[in-house]
Protein backbone atom coordinates (compact mmCIF):
# COMPACT_ATOMS: atom_id res chain seq x y z
CA MET A 1 89.60 102.27 -49.98
CA ASN A 2 88.68 105.80 -51.02
CA SER A 3 87.86 104.56 -54.53
CA SER A 4 85.44 101.97 -53.20
CA ARG A 5 83.78 104.60 -50.96
CA GLU A 6 83.34 106.91 -53.95
CA ASN A 7 81.78 104.08 -55.94
CA LEU A 8 79.42 103.43 -53.04
CA LEU A 9 78.50 107.10 -52.76
CA ASP A 10 77.80 107.28 -56.49
CA SER A 11 75.70 104.14 -56.60
CA GLU A 12 71.96 104.49 -57.14
CA GLU A 13 71.27 102.10 -54.28
CA TYR A 14 73.13 104.34 -51.83
CA LEU A 15 71.40 107.47 -53.09
CA THR A 16 68.04 105.78 -52.72
CA ILE A 17 68.73 104.82 -49.14
CA LEU A 18 70.09 108.27 -48.31
CA SER A 19 67.17 110.29 -49.75
CA PRO A 20 64.48 108.10 -51.30
CA GLU A 21 61.86 110.85 -51.98
CA LYS A 22 64.35 113.23 -53.54
CA TYR A 23 65.83 110.53 -55.73
CA LYS A 24 62.39 109.33 -56.80
CA LYS A 25 61.43 112.84 -57.97
CA GLN A 26 64.69 113.17 -59.85
CA GLY A 27 64.14 109.76 -61.46
CA ASN A 28 60.66 110.73 -62.72
CA ARG A 29 62.00 113.95 -64.22
CA GLN A 30 64.72 112.02 -65.94
CA LYS A 31 62.21 109.56 -67.46
CA TRP A 32 60.24 112.21 -69.36
CA PRO A 33 63.04 112.95 -71.87
CA GLN A 34 63.36 109.21 -72.47
CA LEU A 35 59.62 108.89 -73.13
CA ARG A 36 59.66 111.95 -75.36
CA ASP A 37 62.54 110.58 -77.39
CA PHE A 38 60.75 107.22 -77.66
CA LEU A 39 57.62 108.84 -79.06
CA PHE A 40 59.57 111.02 -81.48
CA ASP A 41 63.31 111.50 -81.57
CA THR A 42 64.09 114.82 -83.22
CA LYS A 43 67.72 113.86 -83.67
CA THR A 44 67.25 110.58 -85.54
CA GLY A 45 63.67 111.13 -86.73
CA SER A 46 62.53 107.79 -85.22
CA PHE A 47 58.90 107.27 -84.15
CA LEU A 48 57.94 104.82 -81.37
CA GLY A 49 61.43 103.47 -81.34
CA ARG A 50 61.55 102.71 -85.07
CA PRO A 51 63.18 104.72 -87.85
CA LYS A 52 61.09 105.84 -90.81
CA SER A 53 62.53 103.15 -93.06
CA GLU A 54 61.35 100.38 -90.73
CA TRP A 55 57.86 101.91 -90.43
CA SER A 56 57.63 101.98 -94.21
CA LEU A 57 58.35 98.27 -94.33
CA VAL A 58 55.77 97.51 -91.57
CA VAL A 59 53.04 99.51 -93.31
CA ALA A 60 53.84 97.91 -96.66
CA PHE A 61 53.79 94.40 -95.19
CA TYR A 62 50.44 94.73 -93.43
CA GLY A 63 48.97 96.60 -96.39
CA VAL A 64 49.83 93.75 -98.74
CA PHE A 65 48.70 91.17 -96.17
CA TYR A 66 45.22 92.63 -95.61
CA LEU A 67 44.80 93.39 -99.30
CA SER A 68 45.55 89.74 -100.06
CA LEU A 69 42.92 88.64 -97.52
CA LEU A 70 40.37 91.00 -99.08
CA VAL A 71 41.07 89.66 -102.55
CA TYR A 72 40.92 86.06 -101.30
CA PHE A 73 37.52 86.45 -99.64
CA GLY A 74 36.28 88.41 -102.65
CA ILE A 75 37.19 85.47 -104.91
CA LEU A 76 35.41 83.02 -102.57
CA ILE A 77 32.25 85.14 -102.50
CA GLY A 78 32.38 85.43 -106.28
CA ILE A 79 32.65 81.65 -106.68
CA LEU A 80 29.75 81.02 -104.27
CA THR A 81 27.61 83.61 -106.04
CA ALA A 82 28.34 81.98 -109.39
CA ILE A 83 27.53 78.39 -108.37
CA LEU A 84 24.57 78.96 -105.99
CA ASP A 85 21.05 79.07 -107.39
CA GLU A 86 18.85 81.90 -106.13
CA ILE A 87 15.73 79.74 -106.40
CA HIS A 88 16.76 76.16 -105.70
CA PRO A 89 18.86 75.70 -102.55
CA TRP A 90 22.13 73.79 -102.70
CA ARG A 91 21.00 71.29 -100.05
CA GLN A 92 17.50 69.88 -100.35
CA GLY A 93 15.38 67.19 -98.77
CA MET A 94 16.95 65.29 -95.90
CA ASP A 95 20.30 66.95 -96.60
CA SER A 96 18.88 70.38 -95.80
CA PRO A 97 18.73 71.83 -92.27
CA LEU A 98 14.90 71.64 -92.39
CA LYS A 99 14.86 67.93 -93.37
CA PHE A 100 11.41 68.13 -95.04
CA THR A 101 10.12 70.04 -92.02
CA PRO A 102 8.52 73.40 -92.87
CA GLY A 103 8.66 76.34 -90.56
CA LEU A 104 5.59 76.43 -88.35
CA ALA A 105 4.30 79.42 -86.45
CA PHE A 106 1.20 80.79 -84.81
CA ARG A 107 -0.21 84.24 -84.19
CA PRO A 108 -0.86 86.16 -82.01
CA MET A 109 2.50 86.26 -80.30
CA PRO A 110 3.04 89.89 -79.28
CA PHE A 111 5.42 88.92 -76.48
CA PHE A 112 8.18 86.88 -78.07
CA GLN A 113 9.61 85.83 -74.71
CA THR A 114 6.55 83.67 -74.04
CA LYS A 115 4.10 81.50 -75.98
CA LEU A 116 1.33 81.93 -73.43
CA VAL A 117 -1.88 83.55 -74.68
CA ARG A 118 -3.63 84.76 -71.53
CA PHE A 119 -6.33 87.37 -71.15
CA ILE A 120 -9.47 88.22 -69.15
CA GLN A 121 -12.71 87.67 -71.01
CA GLY A 122 -14.59 90.93 -71.54
CA LYS A 123 -11.65 93.14 -70.51
CA PRO A 124 -10.23 94.78 -73.68
CA SER A 125 -7.01 96.00 -72.07
CA THR A 126 -5.92 92.41 -71.45
CA TYR A 127 -6.56 91.05 -74.95
CA LYS A 128 -5.87 94.13 -77.10
CA PRO A 129 -2.18 93.24 -77.63
CA TYR A 130 -3.30 89.90 -79.10
CA THR A 131 -5.98 91.30 -81.39
CA ASP A 132 -3.67 94.09 -82.55
CA HIS A 133 -1.00 91.55 -83.40
CA ILE A 134 -3.43 89.46 -85.44
CA GLN A 135 -4.66 92.54 -87.28
CA ALA A 136 -1.12 93.71 -88.07
CA PHE A 137 -0.23 90.24 -89.33
CA LEU A 138 -3.27 90.01 -91.62
CA LEU A 139 -2.58 93.43 -93.13
CA GLU A 140 0.12 91.78 -95.26
CA TYR A 141 -2.59 89.58 -96.76
CA GLU A 142 -4.87 92.43 -97.88
CA ASN A 143 -5.80 92.44 -101.57
CA GLU A 144 -3.82 95.61 -102.31
CA LYS A 145 -0.69 93.90 -101.00
CA GLN A 146 -1.12 91.05 -103.50
CA VAL A 147 -1.30 92.98 -106.74
CA GLY A 148 1.24 92.72 -109.53
CA GLU A 149 2.47 90.60 -112.41
CA ASN A 150 3.91 88.05 -110.00
CA PHE A 151 0.51 87.19 -108.43
CA ILE A 152 -1.98 84.76 -109.96
CA ASP A 153 -5.25 83.12 -108.88
CA CYS A 154 -4.81 79.44 -108.10
CA GLU A 155 -8.36 78.41 -107.21
CA LYS A 156 -8.31 75.88 -110.06
CA GLY A 157 -4.73 74.87 -109.44
CA LYS A 158 -1.36 76.29 -110.37
CA PRO A 159 -0.31 75.95 -114.02
CA PRO A 160 2.96 73.99 -114.43
CA ASP A 161 4.45 76.78 -116.53
CA GLN A 162 3.88 79.37 -113.80
CA LEU A 163 5.70 77.81 -110.87
CA GLN A 164 7.58 81.03 -110.25
CA LYS A 165 4.33 82.95 -109.75
CA VAL A 166 2.76 83.55 -106.34
CA CYS A 167 -0.73 82.28 -105.56
CA ARG A 168 -2.97 84.94 -104.06
CA PHE A 169 -4.22 84.20 -100.57
CA ASN A 170 -7.82 85.24 -99.95
CA VAL A 171 -8.37 86.14 -96.28
CA ASP A 172 -12.12 85.71 -96.76
CA GLN A 173 -11.49 81.97 -96.56
CA LEU A 174 -10.57 82.40 -92.89
CA GLY A 175 -14.24 82.57 -91.96
CA GLY A 176 -16.51 85.37 -90.78
CA LEU A 177 -16.33 84.74 -87.05
CA CYS A 178 -12.67 85.67 -86.61
CA THR A 179 -12.61 89.32 -87.69
CA TRP A 180 -11.42 92.56 -86.16
CA GLN A 181 -15.03 93.71 -85.86
CA ARG A 182 -15.62 90.81 -83.46
CA ASP A 183 -12.27 91.30 -81.69
CA TYR A 184 -11.23 87.95 -83.14
CA GLY A 185 -13.39 86.24 -80.54
CA TYR A 186 -11.38 87.38 -77.53
CA ASP A 187 -14.13 89.54 -76.03
CA GLU A 188 -16.46 86.51 -76.03
CA GLY A 189 -13.84 84.19 -74.57
CA LYS A 190 -13.62 82.34 -77.91
CA PRO A 191 -10.12 83.35 -79.04
CA CYS A 192 -8.97 82.90 -82.62
CA VAL A 193 -5.42 81.82 -83.47
CA ILE A 194 -3.74 81.90 -86.87
CA LEU A 195 -1.71 78.91 -88.05
CA LYS A 196 0.43 79.00 -91.17
CA LEU A 197 -0.25 75.40 -92.23
CA ASN A 198 -2.87 72.71 -91.75
CA LYS A 199 -2.32 71.75 -88.12
CA TYR A 200 -4.28 69.95 -85.43
CA PRO A 201 -4.63 71.21 -81.82
CA ALA A 202 -4.56 68.89 -78.81
CA ASP A 203 -5.48 68.82 -75.03
CA HIS A 204 -9.09 67.75 -75.62
CA GLU A 205 -10.07 67.71 -71.94
CA ASN A 206 -9.97 71.47 -71.53
CA ILE A 207 -9.72 72.85 -75.03
CA GLY A 208 -13.35 72.28 -76.01
CA ASN A 209 -14.63 72.45 -79.58
CA ILE A 210 -12.54 73.99 -82.34
CA SER A 211 -13.56 75.57 -85.62
CA TYR A 212 -11.25 75.68 -88.66
CA TRP A 213 -11.25 77.93 -91.74
CA PRO A 214 -10.72 76.49 -94.28
CA ALA A 215 -11.54 73.09 -92.81
CA GLU A 216 -9.78 71.12 -95.56
CA GLY A 217 -6.44 72.85 -95.14
CA TRP A 218 -4.56 74.12 -98.18
CA PRO A 219 -3.82 72.54 -101.56
CA GLY A 220 -0.29 71.90 -102.69
CA TYR A 221 -0.12 74.70 -105.26
CA PHE A 222 1.21 77.08 -102.60
CA PHE A 223 4.34 74.96 -102.38
CA PRO A 224 7.21 74.52 -102.83
CA TYR A 225 8.49 77.93 -101.93
CA LEU A 226 10.78 79.04 -104.77
CA ASN A 227 11.83 82.41 -103.41
CA GLN A 228 9.06 84.14 -105.34
CA GLU A 229 8.76 87.84 -104.76
CA GLY A 230 5.71 88.68 -102.65
CA PHE A 231 5.11 85.12 -101.48
CA ARG A 232 2.50 84.76 -98.71
CA SER A 233 2.34 81.62 -96.59
CA PRO A 234 -1.12 80.02 -96.60
CA LEU A 235 -2.98 80.38 -93.33
CA VAL A 236 -5.53 78.50 -91.29
CA MET A 237 -7.70 80.35 -88.81
CA ILE A 238 -8.85 78.36 -85.81
CA ARG A 239 -11.26 79.41 -83.09
CA PHE A 240 -11.45 77.88 -79.65
CA ASP A 241 -15.22 77.80 -79.25
CA ASN A 242 -15.50 76.98 -75.55
CA PRO A 243 -12.17 76.62 -73.72
CA ILE A 244 -12.38 76.01 -69.97
CA ASN A 245 -11.84 79.28 -68.10
CA GLY A 246 -9.05 79.55 -65.55
CA VAL A 247 -7.23 76.46 -66.86
CA LEU A 248 -3.83 76.53 -68.57
CA ILE A 249 -4.32 74.66 -71.84
CA GLN A 250 -1.34 73.11 -73.62
CA VAL A 251 -1.80 73.27 -77.40
CA ALA A 252 0.29 71.37 -79.94
CA CYS A 253 -0.28 71.99 -83.66
CA TYR A 254 1.10 69.58 -86.25
CA ALA A 255 1.68 69.90 -89.98
CA TRP A 256 0.34 66.80 -91.69
CA ALA A 257 1.68 65.70 -95.06
CA LYS A 258 3.24 62.56 -96.50
CA ASN A 259 6.69 64.14 -96.69
CA ILE A 260 6.67 65.89 -93.27
CA ARG A 261 8.01 64.21 -90.16
CA GLN A 262 6.58 65.17 -86.77
CA HIS A 263 8.47 65.00 -83.51
CA LEU A 264 7.16 66.88 -80.49
CA ASN A 265 10.35 66.89 -78.41
CA ASP A 266 12.52 68.09 -81.30
CA GLN A 267 9.83 70.54 -82.48
CA LEU A 268 9.86 69.00 -85.95
CA GLY A 269 6.68 69.72 -87.89
CA VAL A 270 4.99 71.04 -84.76
CA VAL A 271 4.48 74.28 -82.89
CA THR A 272 3.35 74.52 -79.28
CA PHE A 273 1.84 77.29 -77.18
CA GLU A 274 -0.31 77.81 -74.11
CA LEU A 275 -3.78 79.33 -73.82
CA MET A 276 -5.50 80.62 -70.69
CA VAL A 277 -8.81 82.47 -70.56
CA ASP A 278 -9.53 84.06 -67.17
């Protein structure tokens, strides 16, 4: 009977019931030496519960494992670098992601979250972001940016033995009405828009007359793109001569060629934007 009472008195459950706060404090003090020994046991020399010999094996295993991964991916990159052509892509034509559809774009587009070109005629603060964007874009087509052994004149066509050369693009062919001196037509309410390929705008009810420079589009000597250094995409400058003010105009521009498919919903061979002149 006395033995059972002593066992009861010595039990942790009884001590907790008798003085819970005091026992809790004692328990926390007792846990610190256990945590300290777990982090680093001065007696056995173990660290985080493992002896030095086990840590050596862990470090060696993961070192070999990650080194093997690094070597494996290095070999894969080396193989891909050896078999891929820097000029001709591995997948071409309908097997490529573009599927004969070139990248189409328009400028100005200073606000990439929207394709709406909207400004107030005669108010420079409303159209300056657009004219500045056009000017910055055309700076890459200045003559001094197209100088070097890799650039040639292709006015009479591109020689077959110089396919790797880049045809110079003359911005003078974009006409004399769409210039920075004339604010690219925005001050007059006749905004100019740059297209990278020969495209055709729509929405004839409100769009009014349109002027193109050059009107015939671009010859084929600018293509295909062969990753030539300094390549400049050919441009077409269009001017909306008399768009209806205060009306949101939907514009769709298509790239026309025998080997280009157009699909408005899938945005294949077409670029769309909105124009509004207040």
